[in-house]
């Protein structure tokens, strides 16, 4: 089930990137949350996977920053018109 969610969020993120939608970063952030949860479950059995959780947490921070940046850029462009 969770792997299906991961594939679905990945597909949506790629599609939105292709369409140049500002929501692409939100979709990647959702995908990162799914992956973080999956790797947390894996790290409960094998502690060496914690580094992967940290990695995806960094990706999540970057995706949230990207979404916020797109929103700010959109507002600046609307004000300039």
Protein backbone atom coordinates (compact mmCIF):
# COMPACT_ATOMS: atom_id res chain seq x y z
CA UNK A 1 0.00 0.00 0.00
CA UNK A 2 2.65 2.54 1.00
CA UNK A 3 4.76 1.69 -2.04
CA UNK A 4 1.71 2.44 -4.20
CA UNK A 5 1.35 5.80 -2.47
CA UNK A 6 5.05 6.49 -3.13
CA UNK A 7 4.70 5.67 -6.82
CA UNK A 8 1.54 7.76 -7.09
CA UNK A 9 3.05 10.83 -5.41
CA UNK A 10 6.18 10.46 -7.55
CA UNK A 11 4.12 10.33 -10.73
CA UNK A 12 2.07 13.37 -9.69
CA UNK A 13 5.24 15.31 -8.85
CA UNK A 14 6.84 14.51 -12.21
CA UNK A 15 3.64 15.37 -14.05
CA UNK A 16 3.35 18.73 -12.28
CA UNK A 17 7.01 19.44 -13.01
CA UNK A 18 6.39 18.69 -16.69
CA UNK A 19 3.38 21.02 -16.67
CA UNK A 20 5.49 23.74 -14.98
CA UNK A 21 3.00 23.94 -12.12
CA UNK A 22 4.12 25.68 -8.92
CA UNK A 23 2.56 22.79 -7.03
CA UNK A 24 5.29 20.40 -8.17
CA UNK A 25 7.27 21.13 -5.01
CA UNK A 26 4.23 20.35 -2.83
CA UNK A 27 3.88 17.00 -4.59
CA UNK A 28 7.56 16.24 -4.07
CA UNK A 29 7.16 17.22 -0.41
CA UNK A 30 4.26 14.77 -0.09
CA UNK A 31 6.43 12.11 -1.71
CA UNK A 32 9.22 12.90 0.77
CA UNK A 33 6.80 12.46 3.69
CA UNK A 34 5.81 9.03 2.36
CA UNK A 35 9.45 8.04 1.95
CA UNK A 36 10.34 9.33 5.41
CA UNK A 37 7.58 7.19 6.90
CA UNK A 38 8.72 4.13 4.93
CA UNK A 39 12.33 4.56 5.99
CA UNK A 40 11.34 5.17 9.63
CA UNK A 41 9.55 1.82 9.53
CA UNK A 42 12.63 0.22 8.01
CA UNK A 43 14.95 1.86 10.54
CA UNK A 44 12.92 0.39 13.41
CA UNK A 45 14.26 -2.99 12.33
CA UNK A 46 17.69 -1.86 11.13
CA UNK A 47 19.11 1.29 12.75
CA UNK A 48 21.57 1.94 9.93
CA UNK A 49 18.66 3.28 7.81
CA UNK A 50 18.31 6.36 10.03
CA UNK A 51 20.74 8.21 7.76
CA UNK A 52 18.30 7.73 4.86
CA UNK A 53 15.52 9.27 6.99
CA UNK A 54 17.76 12.29 7.59
CA UNK A 55 18.50 12.51 3.87
CA UNK A 56 14.82 12.55 2.93
CA UNK A 57 14.15 15.08 5.69
CA UNK A 58 16.68 17.35 3.97
CA UNK A 59 14.90 16.77 0.65
CA UNK A 60 11.63 17.69 2.35
CA UNK A 61 13.13 20.95 3.62
CA UNK A 62 14.34 21.75 0.11
CA UNK A 63 10.95 20.99 -1.43
CA UNK A 64 9.12 23.15 1.10
CA UNK A 65 11.60 25.96 0.37
CA UNK A 66 11.00 25.49 -3.36
CA UNK A 67 7.24 25.72 -2.93
CA UNK A 68 7.50 28.86 -0.82
CA UNK A 69 9.91 30.41 -3.34
CA UNK A 70 7.56 29.71 -6.25
CA UNK A 71 4.68 31.32 -4.36
CA UNK A 72 6.76 34.42 -3.59
CA UNK A 73 7.92 34.69 -7.18
CA UNK A 74 4.32 34.43 -8.40
CA UNK A 75 3.26 37.25 -6.06
CA UNK A 76 6.15 39.46 -7.21
CA UNK A 77 5.27 38.85 -10.85
CA UNK A 78 1.59 39.64 -10.26
CA UNK A 79 2.50 42.92 -8.53
CA UNK A 80 4.81 43.91 -11.41
CA UNK A 81 1.99 43.66 -13.97
